[in-house]
C-alpha atoms as a PDB file:
ATOM      1  CA  MET A   1     -17.600  -2.995 -26.020  1.00  0.00           C
ATOM      2  CA  ALA A   2     -15.666  -1.189 -23.281  1.00  0.00           C
ATOM      3  CA  LYS A   3     -13.427  -3.267 -21.047  1.00  0.00           C
ATOM      4  CA  VAL A   4     -13.298  -2.766 -17.310  1.00  0.00           C
ATOM      5  CA  LYS A   5      -9.710  -2.354 -16.141  1.00  0.00           C
ATOM      6  CA  PHE A   6      -8.752  -4.487 -13.138  1.00  0.00           C
ATOM      7  CA  CYS A   7      -5.993  -3.109 -10.921  1.00  0.00           C
ATOM      8  CA  LEU A   8      -4.594  -5.073  -7.964  1.00  0.00           C
ATOM      9  CA  VAL A   9      -2.725  -2.944  -5.402  1.00  0.00           C
ATOM     10  CA  ILE A  10      -0.727  -4.447  -2.538  1.00  0.00           C
ATOM     11  CA  ASP A  11       0.241  -2.228   0.392  1.00  0.00           C
ATOM     12  CA  THR A  12       3.598  -3.741   1.277  1.00  0.00           C
ATOM     13  CA  GLU A  13       4.388  -3.258   4.965  1.00  0.00           C
ATOM     14  CA  VAL A  14       5.816  -6.581   6.223  1.00  0.00           C
ATOM     15  CA  ASP A  15       6.201  -6.048  10.018  1.00  0.00           C
ATOM     16  CA  PHE A  16       5.502  -2.316  10.086  1.00  0.00           C
ATOM     17  CA  TRP A  17       1.921  -3.175  11.059  1.00  0.00           C
ATOM     18  CA  LYS A  18       3.278  -4.456  14.377  1.00  0.00           C
ATOM     19  CA  CYS A  19       5.016  -1.155  15.143  1.00  0.00           C
ATOM     20  CA  ILE A  20       2.498   1.443  14.033  1.00  0.00           C
ATOM     21  CA  PRO A  21      -1.235   1.123  14.768  1.00  0.00           C
ATOM     22  CA  SER A  22      -3.812   3.067  12.789  1.00  0.00           C
ATOM     23  CA  PRO A  23      -4.687   6.575  14.023  1.00  0.00           C
ATOM     24  CA  HIS A  24      -8.270   5.586  13.187  1.00  0.00           C
ATOM     25  CA  PHE A  25      -8.364   2.827  15.807  1.00  0.00           C
ATOM     26  CA  THR A  26     -10.929   2.992  18.569  1.00  0.00           C
ATOM     27  CA  SER A  27      -9.750   1.958  22.037  1.00  0.00           C
ATOM     28  CA  ARG A  28     -11.168  -1.508  21.413  1.00  0.00           C
ATOM     29  CA  GLU A  29      -9.399  -1.820  18.053  1.00  0.00           C
ATOM     30  CA  LEU A  30      -6.131  -0.638  19.609  1.00  0.00           C
ATOM     31  CA  PHE A  31      -6.478  -3.356  22.273  1.00  0.00           C
ATOM     32  CA  ARG A  32      -7.027  -5.979  19.545  1.00  0.00           C
ATOM     33  CA  TRP A  33      -3.961  -4.687  17.677  1.00  0.00           C
ATOM     34  CA  LYS A  34      -1.840  -5.151  20.792  1.00  0.00           C
ATOM     35  CA  ILE A  35      -3.142  -8.698  21.231  1.00  0.00           C
ATOM     36  CA  ASN A  36      -2.531  -9.511  17.553  1.00  0.00           C
ATOM     37  CA  LYS A  37       1.099  -8.455  17.883  1.00  0.00           C
ATOM     38  CA  GLY A  38       1.563 -11.311  20.313  1.00  0.00           C
ATOM     39  CA  ILE A  39      -0.628 -14.018  18.820  1.00  0.00           C
ATOM     40  CA  GLY A  40      -1.006 -12.688  15.297  1.00  0.00           C
ATOM     41  CA  SER A  41       1.163 -15.448  13.847  1.00  0.00           C
ATOM     42  CA  PHE A  42      -1.947 -17.618  13.916  1.00  0.00           C
ATOM     43  CA  ARG A  43      -3.670 -15.230  11.479  1.00  0.00           C
ATOM     44  CA  PHE A  44      -0.902 -13.206   9.860  1.00  0.00           C
ATOM     45  CA  ALA A  45       2.266 -13.971   7.919  1.00  0.00           C
ATOM     46  CA  ARG A  46       5.585 -14.118   9.719  1.00  0.00           C
ATOM     47  CA  GLY A  47       8.108 -11.553   8.486  1.00  0.00           C
ATOM     48  CA  ARG A  48       8.493 -11.807   4.708  1.00  0.00           C
ATOM     49  CA  GLN A  49       6.179 -14.800   4.320  1.00  0.00           C
ATOM     50  CA  GLY A  50       3.228 -12.732   3.049  1.00  0.00           C
ATOM     51  CA  ILE A  51       5.092 -10.763   0.397  1.00  0.00           C
ATOM     52  CA  GLU A  52       6.960 -13.878  -0.743  1.00  0.00           C
ATOM     53  CA  ASN A  53       3.657 -15.750  -1.173  1.00  0.00           C
ATOM     54  CA  ILE A  54       2.084 -12.921  -3.164  1.00  0.00           C
ATOM     55  CA  VAL A  55       5.073 -12.374  -5.442  1.00  0.00           C
ATOM     56  CA  ARG A  56       5.424 -16.100  -6.130  1.00  0.00           C
ATOM     57  CA  ILE A  57       1.784 -16.514  -7.149  1.00  0.00           C
ATOM     58  CA  LEU A  58       1.661 -13.359  -9.275  1.00  0.00           C
ATOM     59  CA  LYS A  59       4.856 -14.328 -11.089  1.00  0.00           C
ATOM     60  CA  GLU A  60       3.504 -17.814 -11.809  1.00  0.00           C
ATOM     61  CA  HIS A  61       0.733 -16.148 -13.824  1.00  0.00           C
ATOM     62  CA  LYS A  62       2.678 -13.031 -14.927  1.00  0.00           C
ATOM     63  CA  PHE A  63      -0.183 -11.121 -13.344  1.00  0.00           C
ATOM     64  CA  PRO A  64       0.226  -7.291 -13.388  1.00  0.00           C
ATOM     65  CA  ALA A  65       0.063  -5.602  -9.988  1.00  0.00           C
ATOM     66  CA  THR A  66       1.128  -2.466  -8.153  1.00  0.00           C
ATOM     67  CA  PHE A  67       3.070  -2.753  -4.912  1.00  0.00           C
ATOM     68  CA  THR A  68       2.896   0.408  -2.828  1.00  0.00           C
ATOM     69  CA  ILE A  69       5.927  -0.261  -0.668  1.00  0.00           C
ATOM     70  CA  VAL A  70       6.938   1.399   2.611  1.00  0.00           C
ATOM     71  CA  GLY A  71      10.070   3.336   1.640  1.00  0.00           C
ATOM     72  CA  HIS A  72      12.222   1.918   4.425  1.00  0.00           C
ATOM     73  CA  LEU A  73      11.664  -1.539   2.955  1.00  0.00           C
ATOM     74  CA  TYR A  74      13.594  -0.551  -0.185  1.00  0.00           C
ATOM     75  CA  LEU A  75      16.723  -0.410   1.971  1.00  0.00           C
ATOM     76  CA  LYS A  76      19.196  -3.216   2.560  1.00  0.00           C
ATOM     77  CA  GLU A  77      20.607  -1.651   5.729  1.00  0.00           C
ATOM     78  CA  CYS A  78      20.497   1.552   7.751  1.00  0.00           C
ATOM     79  CA  ASN A  79      21.964   3.275  10.799  1.00  0.00           C
ATOM     80  CA  GLY A  80      18.568   4.196  12.202  1.00  0.00           C
ATOM     81  CA  PHE A  81      16.914   7.608  12.098  1.00  0.00           C
ATOM     82  CA  PRO A  82      17.530   9.810  10.159  1.00  0.00           C
ATOM     83  CA  HIS A  83      18.268   7.951   6.928  1.00  0.00           C
ATOM     84  CA  PHE A  84      18.348  10.766   4.359  1.00  0.00           C
ATOM     85  CA  ASN A  85      18.227  13.796   6.672  1.00  0.00           C
ATOM     86  CA  GLU A  86      14.441  13.489   6.855  1.00  0.00           C
ATOM     87  CA  GLY A  87      12.547  15.290   9.597  1.00  0.00           C
ATOM     88  CA  MET A  88      11.010  13.384  12.485  1.00  0.00           C
ATOM     89  CA  PRO A  89       7.203  13.064  12.286  1.00  0.00           C
ATOM     90  CA  GLU A  90       5.515  14.612  15.300  1.00  0.00           C
ATOM     91  CA  ALA A  91       3.045  11.717  15.400  1.00  0.00           C
ATOM     92  CA  LYS A  92       1.228  13.014  18.471  1.00  0.00           C
ATOM     93  CA  TRP A  93      -1.412  10.365  17.856  1.00  0.00           C
ATOM     94  CA  LEU A  94       1.202   7.608  18.231  1.00  0.00           C
ATOM     95  CA  LYS A  95       2.273   8.931  21.630  1.00  0.00           C
ATOM     96  CA  GLU A  96      -1.345   9.082  22.670  1.00  0.00           C
ATOM     97  CA  SER A  97      -1.957   5.541  21.423  1.00  0.00           C
ATOM     98  CA  ILE A  98       1.110   3.633  22.632  1.00  0.00           C
ATOM     99  CA  GLY A  99       3.273   6.231  24.421  1.00  0.00           C
ATOM    100  CA  LYS A 100       6.233   5.996  22.049  1.00  0.00           C
ATOM    101  CA  ASP A 101       8.169   8.353  19.761  1.00  0.00           C
ATOM    102  CA  TRP A 102       8.030   7.712  16.025  1.00  0.00           C
ATOM    103  CA  ASP A 103      11.449   6.081  15.658  1.00  0.00           C
ATOM    104  CA  TYR A 104      11.271   3.700  18.631  1.00  0.00           C
ATOM    105  CA  TRP A 105      11.540   0.673  16.283  1.00  0.00           C
ATOM    106  CA  ASP A 106      14.274   2.130  14.064  1.00  0.00           C
ATOM    107  CA  VAL A 107      17.718   0.813  15.040  1.00  0.00           C
ATOM    108  CA  LYS A 108      20.915   0.181  13.118  1.00  0.00           C
ATOM    109  CA  SER A 109      20.437  -3.096  11.286  1.00  0.00           C
ATOM    110  CA  SER A 110      20.295  -4.843   7.905  1.00  0.00           C
ATOM    111  CA  PHE A 111      18.292  -7.350   5.848  1.00  0.00           C
ATOM    112  CA  SER A 112      20.413 -10.227   7.163  1.00  0.00           C
ATOM    113  CA  GLU A 113      19.650  -9.333  10.792  1.00  0.00           C
ATOM    114  CA  ASN A 114      16.087  -7.998  10.482  1.00  0.00           C
ATOM    115  CA  PRO A 115      14.640  -9.009   7.093  1.00  0.00           C
ATOM    116  CA  GLU A 116      11.172  -7.883   8.231  1.00  0.00           C
ATOM    117  CA  PHE A 117      12.280  -4.216   7.985  1.00  0.00           C
ATOM    118  CA  TYR A 118      14.471  -4.448   4.875  1.00  0.00           C
ATOM    119  CA  LEU A 119      13.365  -5.832   1.512  1.00  0.00           C
ATOM    120  CA  GLY A 120      16.062  -4.306  -0.700  1.00  0.00           C
ATOM    121  CA  ASP A 121      17.626  -7.657  -1.510  1.00  0.00           C
ATOM    122  CA  PHE A 122      14.247  -9.317  -2.220  1.00  0.00           C
ATOM    123  CA  ILE A 123      12.954  -6.433  -4.350  1.00  0.00           C
ATOM    124  CA  GLU A 124      16.144  -6.422  -6.383  1.00  0.00           C
ATOM    125  CA  LYS A 125      16.109 -10.182  -6.945  1.00  0.00           C
ATOM    126  CA  GLU A 126      12.389 -11.017  -7.232  1.00  0.00           C
ATOM    127  CA  MET A 127      10.259  -7.935  -7.936  1.00  0.00           C
ATOM    128  CA  LYS A 128      11.914  -6.005 -10.749  1.00  0.00           C
ATOM    129  CA  VAL A 129       9.786  -7.548 -13.510  1.00  0.00           C
ATOM    130  CA  GLU A 130       8.019  -5.648 -16.280  1.00  0.00           C
ATOM    131  CA  TYR A 131       4.449  -6.356 -15.130  1.00  0.00           C
ATOM    132  CA  PHE A 132       5.042  -5.153 -11.547  1.00  0.00           C
ATOM    133  CA  ASP A 133       4.669  -1.462 -10.766  1.00  0.00           C
ATOM    134  CA  LEU A 134       6.810  -0.655  -7.722  1.00  0.00           C
ATOM    135  CA  GLY A 135       5.435   2.426  -5.984  1.00  0.00           C
ATOM    136  CA  LEU A 136       5.571   3.954  -2.529  1.00  0.00           C
ATOM    137  CA  HIS A 137       3.625   3.883   0.725  1.00  0.00           C
ATOM    138  CA  ALA A 138       5.408   6.863   2.382  1.00  0.00           C
ATOM    139  CA  PHE A 139       8.762   6.200   4.110  1.00  0.00           C
ATOM    140  CA  SER A 140       7.865   4.531   7.413  1.00  0.00           C
ATOM    141  CA  HIS A 141       4.067   4.406   7.180  1.00  0.00           C
ATOM    142  CA  GLU A 142       3.434   7.978   8.332  1.00  0.00           C
ATOM    143  CA  ALA A 143      -0.077   9.416   8.713  1.00  0.00           C
ATOM    144  CA  LEU A 144       0.684  12.177   6.221  1.00  0.00           C
ATOM    145  CA  THR A 145      -2.423  14.351   6.588  1.00  0.00           C
ATOM    146  CA  LEU A 146      -1.649  14.751  10.313  1.00  0.00           C
ATOM    147  CA  GLU A 147       1.866  16.104   9.712  1.00  0.00           C
ATOM    148  CA  ARG A 148       3.219  19.533   8.779  1.00  0.00           C
ATOM    149  CA  LYS A 149       3.990  19.957   5.083  1.00  0.00           C
ATOM    150  CA  GLU A 150       7.736  20.163   5.816  1.00  0.00           C
ATOM    151  CA  VAL A 151       7.619  16.732   7.456  1.00  0.00           C
ATOM    152  CA  VAL A 152       5.581  15.302   4.589  1.00  0.00           C
ATOM    153  CA  GLU A 153       8.156  16.636   2.132  1.00  0.00           C
ATOM    154  CA  SER A 154      11.080  15.094   4.001  1.00  0.00           C
ATOM    155  CA  CYS A 155       9.321  11.726   4.378  1.00  0.00           C
ATOM    156  CA  ILE A 156       8.489  11.520   0.677  1.00  0.00           C
ATOM    157  CA  ARG A 157      11.987  12.608  -0.342  1.00  0.00           C
ATOM    158  CA  ALA A 158      13.483   9.904   1.886  1.00  0.00           C
ATOM    159  CA  ALA A 159      11.142   7.288   0.395  1.00  0.00           C
ATOM    160  CA  VAL A 160      12.056   8.284  -3.161  1.00  0.00           C
ATOM    161  CA  ARG A 161      15.771   8.156  -2.361  1.00  0.00           C
ATOM    162  CA  ALA A 162      15.364   4.707  -0.839  1.00  0.00           C
ATOM    163  CA  ALA A 163      13.655   3.457  -4.020  1.00  0.00           C
ATOM    164  CA  ASN A 164      16.266   5.191  -6.181  1.00  0.00           C
ATOM    165  CA  SER A 165      18.978   3.242  -4.338  1.00  0.00           C
ATOM    166  CA  LEU A 166      17.685   0.159  -6.196  1.00  0.00           C
ATOM    167  CA  GLY A 167      17.396   2.007  -9.510  1.00  0.00           C
ATOM    168  CA  ILE A 168      13.614   2.385  -9.156  1.00  0.00           C
ATOM    169  CA  LYS A 169      11.848   5.654  -9.973  1.00  0.00           C
ATOM    170  CA  PRO A 170       8.360   5.360  -8.473  1.00  0.00           C
ATOM    171  CA  VAL A 171       5.388   7.144 -10.032  1.00  0.00           C
ATOM    172  CA  SER A 172       2.563   5.414  -8.090  1.00  0.00           C
ATOM    173  CA  PHE A 173       1.562   6.224  -4.533  1.00  0.00           C
ATOM    174  CA  GLY A 174      -0.774   4.792  -1.926  1.00  0.00           C
ATOM    175  CA  ALA A 175      -1.033   6.756   1.314  1.00  0.00           C
ATOM    176  CA  PRO A 176      -0.689   4.864   4.603  1.00  0.00           C
ATOM    177  CA  PHE A 177      -4.101   4.428   6.239  1.00  0.00           C
ATOM    178  CA  ASN A 178      -5.410   5.973   2.971  1.00  0.00           C
ATOM    179  CA  MET A 179      -4.726   9.388   4.546  1.00  0.00           C
ATOM    180  CA  LEU A 180      -4.043  11.273   1.332  1.00  0.00           C
ATOM    181  CA  GLU A 181      -6.363  14.265   1.605  1.00  0.00           C
ATOM    182  CA  GLY A 182      -7.583  16.098   4.692  1.00  0.00           C
ATOM    183  CA  VAL A 183     -10.353  18.634   5.177  1.00  0.00           C
ATOM    184  CA  LYS A 184      -7.630  21.066   6.263  1.00  0.00           C
ATOM    185  CA  GLU A 185      -4.938  21.682   3.618  1.00  0.00           C
ATOM    186  CA  PRO A 186      -6.492  19.206   1.151  1.00  0.00           C
ATOM    187  CA  GLU A 187      -3.801  19.758  -1.494  1.00  0.00           C
ATOM    188  CA  LYS A 188      -0.814  19.382   0.875  1.00  0.00           C
ATOM    189  CA  VAL A 189       0.182  15.783   0.111  1.00  0.00           C
ATOM    190  CA  TYR A 190      -0.622  16.111  -3.603  1.00  0.00           C
ATOM    191  CA  GLN A 191       1.721  19.098  -3.894  1.00  0.00           C
ATOM    192  CA  VAL A 192       4.583  17.129  -2.379  1.00  0.00           C
ATOM    193  CA  LEU A 193       3.907  14.131  -4.609  1.00  0.00           C
ATOM    194  CA  ARG A 194       3.843  16.284  -7.752  1.00  0.00           C
ATOM    195  CA  LYS A 195       7.117  17.883  -6.703  1.00  0.00           C
ATOM    196  CA  ASN A 196       8.666  14.415  -6.386  1.00  0.00           C
ATOM    197  CA  ARG A 197       7.437  13.330  -9.853  1.00  0.00           C
ATOM    198  CA  PHE A 198       4.620  11.028  -8.852  1.00  0.00           C
ATOM    199  CA  LYS A 199       1.952  10.676 -11.527  1.00  0.00           C
ATOM    200  CA  ILE A 200      -0.862   8.556 -10.069  1.00  0.00           C
ATOM    201  CA  VAL A 201      -2.381   7.974  -6.629  1.00  0.00           C
ATOM    202  CA  ARG A 202      -4.875   5.662  -5.004  1.00  0.00           C
ATOM    203  CA  TYR A 203      -7.862   7.560  -3.630  1.00  0.00           C
ATOM    204  CA  ALA A 204     -10.249   6.561  -0.823  1.00  0.00           C
ATOM    205  CA  GLY A 205     -11.888   9.788   0.338  1.00  0.00           C
ATOM    206  CA  ILE A 206     -11.203  12.721   2.657  1.00  0.00           C
ATOM    207  CA  GLU A 207     -10.016  12.766   6.292  1.00  0.00           C
ATOM    208  CA  ARG A 208     -11.192  14.998   9.103  1.00  0.00           C
ATOM    209  CA  GLY A 209      -8.249  14.834  11.482  1.00  0.00           C
ATOM    210  CA  ARG A 210      -8.213  11.266  12.826  1.00  0.00           C
ATOM    211  CA  GLU A 211     -11.802  10.684  11.778  1.00  0.00           C
ATOM    212  CA  GLN A 212     -12.038   8.145   8.985  1.00  0.00           C
ATOM    213  CA  MET A 213     -14.220   9.261   6.089  1.00  0.00           C
ATOM    214  CA  HIS A 214     -13.250   6.678   3.498  1.00  0.00           C
ATOM    215  CA  GLU A 215     -15.291   5.724   0.485  1.00  0.00           C
ATOM    216  CA  VAL A 216     -15.160   3.008  -2.171  1.00  0.00           C
ATOM    217  CA  GLY A 217     -16.452   3.026  -5.717  1.00  0.00           C
ATOM    218  CA  ILE A 218     -16.014   1.765  -9.262  1.00  0.00           C
ATOM    219  CA  LYS A 219     -15.130   4.751 -11.432  1.00  0.00           C
ATOM    220  CA  LYS A 220     -13.141   5.956 -14.391  1.00  0.00           C
ATOM    221  CA  ILE A 221      -9.650   7.224 -13.723  1.00  0.00           C
ATOM    222  CA  PHE A 222      -9.902  10.890 -12.703  1.00  0.00           C
ATOM    223  CA  THR A 223      -7.754  13.890 -11.776  1.00  0.00           C
ATOM    224  CA  LYS A 224      -7.085  15.171  -8.249  1.00  0.00           C
ATOM    225  CA  TYR A 225      -5.002  18.315  -7.725  1.00  0.00           C
ATOM    226  CA  GLY A 226      -2.889  17.684 -10.806  1.00  0.00           C
ATOM    227  CA  LEU A 227      -2.422  13.929 -10.366  1.00  0.00           C
ATOM    228  CA  LYS A 228      -4.213  10.985 -11.916  1.00  0.00           C
ATOM    229  CA  ALA A 229      -6.233   9.044  -9.349  1.00  0.00           C
ATOM    230  CA  ILE A 230      -7.990   5.717  -9.096  1.00  0.00           C
ATOM    231  CA  GLN A 231     -10.798   5.087  -6.639  1.00  0.00           C
ATOM    232  CA  VAL A 232     -10.471   2.148  -4.249  1.00  0.00           C
ATOM    233  CA  SER A 233     -13.251  -0.263  -5.206  1.00  0.00           C
ATOM    234  CA  HIS A 234     -12.886  -2.942  -2.545  1.00  0.00           C
ATOM    235  CA  TYR A 235     -10.477  -4.527  -0.060  1.00  0.00           C
ATOM    236  CA  PHE A 236      -9.693  -8.172   0.578  1.00  0.00           C
ATOM    237  CA  GLU A 237      -7.114  -9.906   2.735  1.00  0.00           C
ATOM    238  CA  GLY A 238      -5.467 -13.282   2.909  1.00  0.00           C
ATOM    239  CA  ASN A 239      -7.680 -14.087   5.890  1.00  0.00           C
ATOM    240  CA  SER A 240     -10.923 -12.656   4.449  1.00  0.00           C
ATOM    241  CA  SER A 241     -14.030 -14.844   4.386  1.00  0.00           C
ATOM    242  CA  ARG A 242     -15.077 -16.747   1.277  1.00  0.00           C
ATOM    243  CA  GLU A 243     -18.259 -14.671   1.353  1.00  0.00           C
ATOM    244  CA  LEU A 244     -16.253 -11.477   0.904  1.00  0.00           C
ATOM    245  CA  ILE A 245     -14.222 -12.987  -1.928  1.00  0.00           C
ATOM    246  CA  ASP A 246     -17.396 -14.096  -3.723  1.00  0.00           C
ATOM    247  CA  ARG A 247     -18.933 -10.654  -3.262  1.00  0.00           C
ATOM    248  CA  THR A 248     -15.803  -9.023  -4.693  1.00  0.00           C
ATOM    249  CA  ILE A 249     -15.900 -11.242  -7.773  1.00  0.00           C
ATOM    250  CA  GLU A 250     -19.601 -10.441  -8.215  1.00  0.00           C
ATOM    251  CA  GLU A 251     -18.772  -6.724  -8.130  1.00  0.00           C
ATOM    252  CA  VAL A 252     -16.136  -7.172 -10.825  1.00  0.00           C
ATOM    253  CA  GLU A 253     -18.576  -9.105 -12.992  1.00  0.00           C
ATOM    254  CA  SER A 254     -21.244  -6.431 -12.544  1.00  0.00           C
ATOM    255  CA  SER A 255     -18.753  -3.884 -13.950  1.00  0.00           C
ATOM    256  CA  LEU A 256     -18.114  -5.744 -17.200  1.00  0.00           C
ATOM    257  CA  GLY A 257     -18.810  -3.713 -20.307  1.00  0.00           C
ATOM    258  CA  LYS A 258     -18.155  -0.406 -18.538  1.00  0.00           C
ATOM    259  CA  ASP A 259     -15.267   2.002 -19.048  1.00  0.00           C
ATOM    260  CA  VAL A 260     -14.198   1.955 -15.387  1.00  0.00           C
ATOM    261  CA  VAL A 261     -11.350   0.840 -13.125  1.00  0.00           C
ATOM    262  CA  TYR A 262     -11.919  -1.817 -10.486  1.00  0.00           C
ATOM    263  CA  CYS A 263      -9.153  -1.194  -7.917  1.00  0.00           C
ATOM    264  CA  LEU A 264      -8.811  -4.087  -5.472  1.00  0.00           C
ATOM    265  CA  CYS A 265      -6.508  -3.506  -2.495  1.00  0.00           C
ATOM    266  CA  THR A 266      -4.854  -5.791   0.031  1.00  0.00           C
ATOM    267  CA  HIS A 267      -1.963  -5.973   2.533  1.00  0.00           C
ATOM    268  CA  ASP A 268       0.978  -8.333   2.214  1.00  0.00           C
ATOM    269  CA  PHE A 269       1.139  -9.319   5.893  1.00  0.00           C
ATOM    270  CA  THR A 270      -2.318 -10.926   5.870  1.00  0.00           C
ATOM    271  CA  HIS A 271      -1.355 -13.462   3.195  1.00  0.00           C
ATOM    272  CA  LYS A 272      -0.067 -16.265   5.389  1.00  0.00           C
ATOM    273  CA  ASN A 273      -2.385 -18.442   3.321  1.00  0.00           C
ATOM    274  CA  THR A 274      -2.752 -18.036  -0.443  1.00  0.00           C
ATOM    275  CA  LYS A 275      -6.226 -19.439  -1.060  1.00  0.00           C
ATOM    276  CA  ASN A 276      -7.993 -16.076  -1.431  1.00  0.00           C
ATOM    277  CA  LEU A 277      -5.387 -14.655  -3.783  1.00  0.00           C
ATOM    278  CA  GLN A 278      -5.523 -17.786  -5.912  1.00  0.00           C
ATOM    279  CA  LEU A 279      -9.320 -17.526  -6.150  1.00  0.00           C
ATOM    280  CA  ILE A 280      -9.190 -13.870  -7.208  1.00  0.00           C
ATOM    281  CA  ILE A 281      -6.456 -14.406  -9.792  1.00  0.00           C
ATOM    282  CA  SER A 282      -8.100 -17.502 -11.244  1.00  0.00           C
ATOM    283  CA  LYS A 283     -11.406 -15.723 -11.783  1.00  0.00           C
ATOM    284  CA  ILE A 284      -9.889 -12.536 -13.214  1.00  0.00           C
ATOM    285  CA  LEU A 285      -7.758 -14.541 -15.644  1.00  0.00           C
ATOM    286  CA  GLN A 286     -10.812 -16.474 -16.729  1.00  0.00           C
ATOM    287  CA  ILE A 287     -12.706 -13.254 -17.474  1.00  0.00           C
ATOM    288  CA  SER A 288      -9.637 -11.895 -19.253  1.00  0.00           C
ATOM    289  CA  LYS A 289      -9.601 -14.901 -21.609  1.00  0.00           C
ATOM    290  CA  GLU A 290     -13.172 -13.969 -22.533  1.00  0.00           C
ATOM    291  CA  ASN A 291     -11.809 -10.560 -23.590  1.00  0.00           C
ATOM    292  CA  LYS A 292     -14.046  -8.733 -21.106  1.00  0.00           C
ATOM    293  CA  ILE A 293     -11.431  -7.294 -18.779  1.00  0.00           C
ATOM    294  CA  GLU A 294      -7.974  -5.731 -18.994  1.00  0.00           C
ATOM    295  CA  ILE A 295      -5.543  -6.474 -16.159  1.00  0.00           C
ATOM    296  CA  VAL A 296      -3.326  -3.461 -15.475  1.00  0.00           C
ATOM    297  CA  ASN A 297      -1.132  -1.919 -12.819  1.00  0.00           C
ATOM    298  CA  MET A 298      -1.341   1.731 -11.764  1.00  0.00           C
ATOM    299  CA  LYS A 299       1.567   2.816 -13.946  1.00  0.00           C
ATOM    300  CA  GLN A 300      -0.062   1.282 -17.020  1.00  0.00           C
ATOM    301  CA  LEU A 301      -3.160   3.406 -16.371  1.00  0.00           C
ATOM    302  CA  LEU A 302      -1.091   6.466 -17.280  1.00  0.00           C
ATOM    303  CA  LYS A 303      -0.855   5.365 -20.918  1.00  0.00           C
END
């Protein structure tokens, strides 16, 4: 009997969510984002709290997972922009949304002063274990499909160099805001990723400018413009409802016996509380003991 492959992917952003809203936000959603920046500590993790909670729980169970990490977070310190001679994103949408240039948050600092923007020390000490796949989430959470190819190239190069500074050679990629492929120049980001030796990407549909056209599904691994790809199957967060968690588990169970990948995605900064993650892990491990599921990370899907 075929085994469904279960792949947990964590977009690791720490406090970048507070600096860069989604280009998909409506005016109402943008207003809520601004409010959450001020009072979000009631719902969201403070600084590194979310990623520390996730890593601790996964390591307790030696549970395979992929972390698609914002490139800047691989650093231990920096002098601000530019870091590796990368080009400045135009980010016209950011100016329209909050009236700021892309690097407004990016000042000379280090992990000891601003640990919410630097994870190099934590990654080196806590995350370099064999069952974790450490990938990339662009360099500073850029909306890649909205940028010129030259900017995309410089952002990805900078992200790779940041990871390389810790001896990590990433092969897995998750695009910020899931903006991997646009209606215009659909192959643009893929070309840059291939050039920088990425092998596998997370896929969630096509973009039309700032219009979100995302899709979810439970599929076999497939090929997109020369790269392996896995379809996002579902999302959950640390503050998701129990109803959503139960529905996610039901979806996984309905996939048993099929030769497919169930890709479950989340964000580190929502995991102030660990209850949802514990529920997911407990159930997946139980199914695994019944020999009905294989727990993998994205890199392992290349084998």
